[in-house]
C-alpha atoms as a PDB file:
ATOM      1  CA  MET A   1      26.500 -66.601   0.324  1.00  0.00           C
ATOM      2  CA  LYS A   2      27.072 -64.266   2.948  1.00  0.00           C
ATOM      3  CA  ARG A   3      25.995 -60.623   2.590  1.00  0.00           C
ATOM      4  CA  LEU A   4      27.749 -58.089   4.810  1.00  0.00           C
ATOM      5  CA  LEU A   5      26.052 -55.338   6.222  1.00  0.00           C
ATOM      6  CA  TRP A   6      27.003 -52.249   7.960  1.00  0.00           C
ATOM      7  CA  ILE A   7      24.655 -50.317  10.115  1.00  0.00           C
ATOM      8  CA  GLY A   8      25.290 -46.993  11.481  1.00  0.00           C
ATOM      9  CA  THR A   9      26.173 -46.439  15.060  1.00  0.00           C
ATOM     10  CA  VAL A  10      24.128 -44.539  17.596  1.00  0.00           C
ATOM     11  CA  LEU A  11      25.759 -43.371  20.761  1.00  0.00           C
ATOM     12  CA  LEU A  12      23.406 -43.755  23.994  1.00  0.00           C
ATOM     13  CA  GLY A  13      23.117 -40.383  26.076  1.00  0.00           C
ATOM     14  CA  ALA A  14      24.279 -42.581  29.114  1.00  0.00           C
ATOM     15  CA  LEU A  15      27.891 -42.366  27.751  1.00  0.00           C
ATOM     16  CA  ALA A  16      30.147 -39.817  29.114  1.00  0.00           C
ATOM     17  CA  PRO A  17      30.771 -36.658  27.078  1.00  0.00           C
ATOM     18  CA  ALA A  18      34.328 -37.739  26.748  1.00  0.00           C
ATOM     19  CA  GLN A  19      33.560 -41.288  25.474  1.00  0.00           C
ATOM     20  CA  ALA A  20      31.123 -39.420  23.010  1.00  0.00           C
ATOM     21  CA  SER A  21      33.839 -37.846  21.241  1.00  0.00           C
ATOM     22  CA  GLU A  22      35.540 -41.207  20.433  1.00  0.00           C
ATOM     23  CA  SER A  23      34.556 -42.654  17.151  1.00  0.00           C
ATOM     24  CA  PRO A  24      32.868 -45.952  17.614  1.00  0.00           C
ATOM     25  CA  ILE A  25      33.083 -47.694  14.336  1.00  0.00           C
ATOM     26  CA  ALA A  26      30.989 -50.507  12.989  1.00  0.00           C
ATOM     27  CA  ARG A  27      32.546 -51.799   9.732  1.00  0.00           C
ATOM     28  CA  THR A  28      31.637 -54.576   7.529  1.00  0.00           C
ATOM     29  CA  ALA A  29      34.235 -57.126   7.158  1.00  0.00           C
ATOM     30  CA  GLU A  30      35.142 -60.736   5.879  1.00  0.00           C
ATOM     31  CA  PRO A  31      32.816 -63.218   6.340  1.00  0.00           C
ATOM     32  CA  ASP A  32      34.272 -64.536   9.779  1.00  0.00           C
ATOM     33  CA  GLY A  33      32.814 -62.360  11.111  1.00  0.00           C
ATOM     34  CA  ALA A  34      21.142 -56.806  26.848  1.00  0.00           C
ATOM     35  CA  ALA A  35      20.953 -54.027  28.159  1.00  0.00           C
ATOM     36  CA  VAL A  36      23.727 -52.967  30.360  1.00  0.00           C
ATOM     37  CA  GLY A  37      22.869 -53.642  34.029  1.00  0.00           C
ATOM     38  CA  PRO A  38      23.689 -54.942  37.231  1.00  0.00           C
ATOM     39  CA  ARG A  39      26.123 -57.749  37.387  1.00  0.00           C
ATOM     40  CA  ALA A  40      24.681 -61.291  37.048  1.00  0.00           C
ATOM     41  CA  GLU A  41      25.961 -64.301  39.012  1.00  0.00           C
ATOM     42  CA  THR A  42      27.291 -67.152  36.809  1.00  0.00           C
ATOM     43  CA  GLY A  43      27.088 -70.773  37.543  1.00  0.00           C
ATOM     44  CA  ALA A  44      24.594 -72.893  39.434  1.00  0.00           C
ATOM     45  CA  GLY A  45      21.088 -71.486  39.939  1.00  0.00           C
ATOM     46  CA  LEU A  46      20.822 -69.579  36.477  1.00  0.00           C
ATOM     47  CA  PRO A  47      17.410 -70.037  34.995  1.00  0.00           C
ATOM     48  CA  ASP A  48      18.916 -69.164  31.578  1.00  0.00           C
ATOM     49  CA  GLY A  49      21.172 -72.286  30.937  1.00  0.00           C
ATOM     50  CA  GLY A  50      24.219 -71.445  33.181  1.00  0.00           C
ATOM     51  CA  GLU A  51      23.892 -74.950  34.841  1.00  0.00           C
ATOM     52  CA  ALA A  52      24.112 -76.875  31.658  1.00  0.00           C
ATOM     53  CA  ALA A  53      27.078 -74.906  30.445  1.00  0.00           C
ATOM     54  CA  ALA A  54      28.753 -75.045  33.711  1.00  0.00           C
ATOM     55  CA  ALA A  55      28.511 -78.793  33.679  1.00  0.00           C
ATOM     56  CA  SER A  56      29.756 -78.913  30.280  1.00  0.00           C
ATOM     57  CA  GLY A  57      33.132 -77.615  31.598  1.00  0.00           C
ATOM     58  CA  VAL A  58      33.014 -74.399  29.266  1.00  0.00           C
ATOM     59  CA  ARG A  59      35.094 -71.595  30.959  1.00  0.00           C
ATOM     60  CA  ALA A  60      33.031 -68.817  31.983  1.00  0.00           C
ATOM     61  CA  LEU A  61      34.258 -65.519  30.240  1.00  0.00           C
ATOM     62  CA  GLU A  62      33.529 -63.297  33.260  1.00  0.00           C
ATOM     63  CA  GLU A  63      35.641 -65.723  35.668  1.00  0.00           C
ATOM     64  CA  ALA A  64      38.923 -66.090  33.301  1.00  0.00           C
ATOM     65  CA  PRO A  65      38.995 -62.867  31.618  1.00  0.00           C
ATOM     66  CA  PRO A  66      41.448 -62.234  28.369  1.00  0.00           C
ATOM     67  CA  ALA A  67      44.833 -60.634  28.784  1.00  0.00           C
ATOM     68  CA  PRO A  68      45.020 -56.875  28.509  1.00  0.00           C
ATOM     69  CA  GLU A  69      47.106 -57.136  25.519  1.00  0.00           C
ATOM     70  CA  ARG A  70      45.748 -55.452  22.303  1.00  0.00           C
ATOM     71  CA  THR A  71      46.232 -58.057  19.052  1.00  0.00           C
ATOM     72  CA  PRO A  72      44.940 -57.798  15.877  1.00  0.00           C
ATOM     73  CA  ARG A  73      41.291 -59.081  14.843  1.00  0.00           C
ATOM     74  CA  PRO A  74      42.006 -62.859  14.296  1.00  0.00           C
ATOM     75  CA  ALA A  75      41.691 -64.213  10.769  1.00  0.00           C
ATOM     76  CA  THR A  76      38.971 -66.364   9.523  1.00  0.00           C
ATOM     77  CA  ALA A  77      40.954 -69.620  10.006  1.00  0.00           C
ATOM     78  CA  GLU A  78      41.658 -69.047  13.454  1.00  0.00           C
ATOM     79  CA  TRP A  79      38.115 -69.081  14.469  1.00  0.00           C
ATOM     80  CA  ASP A  80      38.012 -72.980  13.702  1.00  0.00           C
ATOM     81  CA  ALA A  81      40.436 -73.294  16.791  1.00  0.00           C
ATOM     82  CA  ALA A  82      38.885 -70.588  18.896  1.00  0.00           C
ATOM     83  CA  GLU A  83      37.689 -71.646  22.557  1.00  0.00           C
ATOM     84  CA  PRO A  84      34.051 -71.810  23.565  1.00  0.00           C
ATOM     85  CA  VAL A  85      33.088 -69.570  26.395  1.00  0.00           C
ATOM     86  CA  ARG A  86      30.150 -69.379  28.650  1.00  0.00           C
ATOM     87  CA  LEU A  87      28.467 -65.838  28.709  1.00  0.00           C
ATOM     88  CA  ALA A  88      27.314 -64.196  31.950  1.00  0.00           C
ATOM     89  CA  ARG A  89      23.611 -64.558  30.587  1.00  0.00           C
ATOM     90  CA  ASP A  90      22.463 -66.278  27.605  1.00  0.00           C
ATOM     91  CA  ARG A  91      18.667 -66.151  26.926  1.00  0.00           C
ATOM     92  CA  SER A  92      19.009 -67.121  23.451  1.00  0.00           C
ATOM     93  CA  GLY A  93      17.800 -70.838  24.139  1.00  0.00           C
ATOM     94  CA  ALA A  94      21.147 -72.280  22.733  1.00  0.00           C
ATOM     95  CA  VAL A  95      20.594 -70.374  19.437  1.00  0.00           C
ATOM     96  CA  CYS A  96      23.640 -68.102  20.041  1.00  0.00           C
ATOM     97  CA  LYS A  97      27.242 -69.734  20.685  1.00  0.00           C
ATOM     98  CA  ALA A  98      30.181 -67.695  21.945  1.00  0.00           C
ATOM     99  CA  ARG A  99      34.039 -68.386  20.964  1.00  0.00           C
ATOM    100  CA  MET A 100      37.027 -66.710  22.325  1.00  0.00           C
ATOM    101  CA  ARG A 101      40.392 -65.985  20.500  1.00  0.00           C
ATOM    102  CA  ARG A 102      42.526 -63.762  22.752  1.00  0.00           C
ATOM    103  CA  GLU A 103      40.584 -60.937  23.710  1.00  0.00           C
ATOM    104  CA  TRP A 104      38.231 -61.139  20.595  1.00  0.00           C
ATOM    105  CA  LEU A 105      34.862 -62.429  21.146  1.00  0.00           C
ATOM    106  CA  ARG A 106      32.752 -63.869  18.613  1.00  0.00           C
ATOM    107  CA  ILE A 107      28.809 -64.629  18.953  1.00  0.00           C
ATOM    108  CA  ASP A 108      27.141 -66.593  16.259  1.00  0.00           C
ATOM    109  CA  CYS A 109      23.455 -66.654  16.317  1.00  0.00           C
ATOM    110  CA  ALA A 110      20.906 -68.458  13.994  1.00  0.00           C
ATOM    111  CA  ALA A 111      17.469 -67.557  13.573  1.00  0.00           C
ATOM    112  CA  PRO A 112      15.021 -67.270  10.745  1.00  0.00           C
ATOM    113  CA  SER A 113      14.403 -63.870   9.035  1.00  0.00           C
ATOM    114  CA  LEU A 114      17.588 -61.791  10.348  1.00  0.00           C
ATOM    115  CA  ALA A 115      17.172 -58.414   8.804  1.00  0.00           C
ATOM    116  CA  ALA A 116      19.926 -56.225  10.222  1.00  0.00           C
ATOM    117  CA  VAL A 117      22.595 -55.490  12.894  1.00  0.00           C
ATOM    118  CA  ARG A 118      23.318 -52.176  14.621  1.00  0.00           C
ATOM    119  CA  THR A 119      25.375 -50.845  17.578  1.00  0.00           C
ATOM    120  CA  LEU A 120      23.147 -48.970  19.754  1.00  0.00           C
ATOM    121  CA  GLY A 121      25.912 -47.915  21.978  1.00  0.00           C
ATOM    122  CA  ALA A 122      29.514 -48.246  22.388  1.00  0.00           C
ATOM    123  CA  SER A 123      32.252 -46.461  24.634  1.00  0.00           C
ATOM    124  CA  ALA A 124      35.071 -47.337  22.280  1.00  0.00           C
ATOM    125  CA  GLY A 125      36.423 -49.865  19.790  1.00  0.00           C
ATOM    126  CA  GLU A 126      34.648 -51.508  16.785  1.00  0.00           C
ATOM    127  CA  ALA A 127      32.507 -54.598  15.958  1.00  0.00           C
ATOM    128  CA  TRP A 128      32.235 -56.489  12.635  1.00  0.00           C
ATOM    129  CA  PHE A 129      28.992 -57.753  11.713  1.00  0.00           C
ATOM    130  CA  SER A 130      27.927 -60.210   8.926  1.00  0.00           C
ATOM    131  CA  LEU A 131      24.959 -61.705   7.917  1.00  0.00           C
ATOM    132  CA  ASP A 132      24.450 -65.493   6.707  1.00  0.00           C
ATOM    133  CA  GLN A 133      22.127 -65.417   3.396  1.00  0.00           C
ATOM    134  CA  ASN A 134      21.171 -67.695   0.662  1.00  0.00           C
ATOM    135  CA  SER A 135      21.080 -65.835  -2.500  1.00  0.00           C
ATOM    136  CA  SER A 136      17.370 -66.666  -3.349  1.00  0.00           C
ATOM    137  CA  GLU A 137      16.031 -65.415   0.244  1.00  0.00           C
ATOM    138  CA  GLU A 138      15.961 -61.670   1.398  1.00  0.00           C
ATOM    139  CA  LEU A 139      16.109 -62.125   4.937  1.00  0.00           C
ATOM    140  CA  ALA A 140      19.333 -63.927   6.686  1.00  0.00           C
ATOM    141  CA  THR A 141      19.331 -67.218   8.749  1.00  0.00           C
ATOM    142  CA  GLY A 142      22.189 -66.363  10.884  1.00  0.00           C
ATOM    143  CA  VAL A 143      24.747 -63.636  11.959  1.00  0.00           C
ATOM    144  CA  SER A 144      28.439 -63.275  13.480  1.00  0.00           C
ATOM    145  CA  VAL A 145      29.133 -60.424  15.571  1.00  0.00           C
ATOM    146  CA  VAL A 146      32.938 -59.923  16.241  1.00  0.00           C
ATOM    147  CA  PHE A 147      34.368 -57.389  18.788  1.00  0.00           C
ATOM    148  CA  PRO A 148      37.305 -57.038  21.344  1.00  0.00           C
ATOM    149  CA  VAL A 149      36.559 -57.246  25.028  1.00  0.00           C
ATOM    150  CA  ARG A 150      38.853 -55.108  26.861  1.00  0.00           C
ATOM    151  CA  LEU A 151      38.827 -53.434  30.236  1.00  0.00           C
ATOM    152  CA  GLY A 152      36.902 -50.221  30.224  1.00  0.00           C
ATOM    153  CA  ASP A 153      34.622 -51.469  27.228  1.00  0.00           C
ATOM    154  CA  ARG A 154      30.796 -51.087  27.075  1.00  0.00           C
ATOM    155  CA  ARG A 155      28.929 -51.745  24.097  1.00  0.00           C
ATOM    156  CA  VAL A 156      25.087 -52.613  23.115  1.00  0.00           C
ATOM    157  CA  ILE A 157      24.273 -54.485  19.899  1.00  0.00           C
ATOM    158  CA  GLU A 158      20.841 -55.248  18.510  1.00  0.00           C
ATOM    159  CA  ILE A 159      20.029 -57.832  16.053  1.00  0.00           C
ATOM    160  CA  LEU A 160      16.803 -57.267  14.218  1.00  0.00           C
ATOM    161  CA  THR A 161      14.396 -60.010  12.460  1.00  0.00           C
ATOM    162  CA  GLY A 162      12.035 -59.123   9.679  1.00  0.00           C
ATOM    163  CA  THR A 163       8.267 -59.745  10.126  1.00  0.00           C
ATOM    164  CA  SER A 164       5.277 -59.928   8.168  1.00  0.00           C
ATOM    165  CA  GLY A 165       2.197 -58.028   9.244  1.00  0.00           C
ATOM    166  CA  TYR A 166      -1.480 -57.680   8.099  1.00  0.00           C
ATOM    167  CA  ARG A 167      -1.579 -57.496   4.378  1.00  0.00           C
ATOM    168  CA  GLY A 168       1.910 -58.361   3.767  1.00  0.00           C
ATOM    169  CA  GLU A 169       3.478 -55.140   5.054  1.00  0.00           C
ATOM    170  CA  MET A 170       6.962 -55.856   6.499  1.00  0.00           C
ATOM    171  CA  GLY A 171       8.407 -54.576   9.765  1.00  0.00           C
ATOM    172  CA  ILE A 172      11.188 -55.326  11.992  1.00  0.00           C
ATOM    173  CA  SER A 173      11.595 -56.576  15.771  1.00  0.00           C
ATOM    174  CA  THR A 174      14.382 -57.031  18.285  1.00  0.00           C
ATOM    175  CA  SER A 175      15.491 -60.777  18.063  1.00  0.00           C
ATOM    176  CA  PHE A 176      18.525 -60.584  20.139  1.00  0.00           C
ATOM    177  CA  VAL A 177      20.541 -57.881  22.360  1.00  0.00           C
ATOM    178  CA  ILE A 178      24.086 -58.570  22.809  1.00  0.00           C
ATOM    179  CA  SER A 179      25.522 -56.302  25.856  1.00  0.00           C
ATOM    180  CA  GLU A 180      29.242 -56.320  26.891  1.00  0.00           C
ATOM    181  CA  GLN A 181      30.700 -54.058  29.852  1.00  0.00           C
ATOM    182  CA  TRP A 182      33.981 -54.546  31.765  1.00  0.00           C
ATOM    183  CA  LEU A 183      33.995 -51.439  34.148  1.00  0.00           C
ATOM    184  CA  ASP A 184      37.150 -50.757  36.236  1.00  0.00           C
ATOM    185  CA  GLY A 185      36.813 -52.863  39.512  1.00  0.00           C
ATOM    186  CA  ASP A 186      35.366 -55.615  37.903  1.00  0.00           C
ATOM    187  CA  ALA A 187      37.065 -58.957  37.745  1.00  0.00           C
ATOM    188  CA  GLY A 188      36.026 -59.873  34.211  1.00  0.00           C
ATOM    189  CA  PRO A 189      33.723 -58.829  31.647  1.00  0.00           C
ATOM    190  CA  LEU A 190      30.007 -59.191  31.619  1.00  0.00           C
ATOM    191  CA  VAL A 191      28.607 -60.338  28.272  1.00  0.00           C
ATOM    192  CA  SER A 192      24.824 -61.171  27.949  1.00  0.00           C
ATOM    193  CA  VAL A 193      22.702 -62.178  24.913  1.00  0.00           C
ATOM    194  CA  LEU A 194      19.157 -61.293  25.904  1.00  0.00           C
END
């Protein structure tokens, strides 16, 4: 069973005041549902799996960006035919997979003990999150993150893992950070999973 989760959105101080007045929305949706930094080179020579992805013939998202047209979020059935894409950086060790449908990107990550997803900052737009969870377990084993990739976008999404501490105390730690930015003048979007 998939348990849907909505975690509040927090704007980072790095966002412009005009953008801070926009309302970034994180919503719970149907079950289909990295720090921003300098541009990374894609393709050969990447220590984080870029060579293997380039050899597989998967399109690099940064090199072939989506069209500027704004379309509605894809329905659940549409993701079955979505095109796999290669991210600029993927340090998840092949635990996360990215697929593209029009300008919509879906990143699915699998890891034990996933506890929460939260948007740390976003310039505009919305993102949908869903956690895969068995009814007998408290923590999820997978997450799907869906958001549009459009010129001018910036967002950082954090995926948290539950941890057990000394004497059974529970805590959380960062498992993955998804970063997306497509600034004016860039050839395409820079999306990373770190």
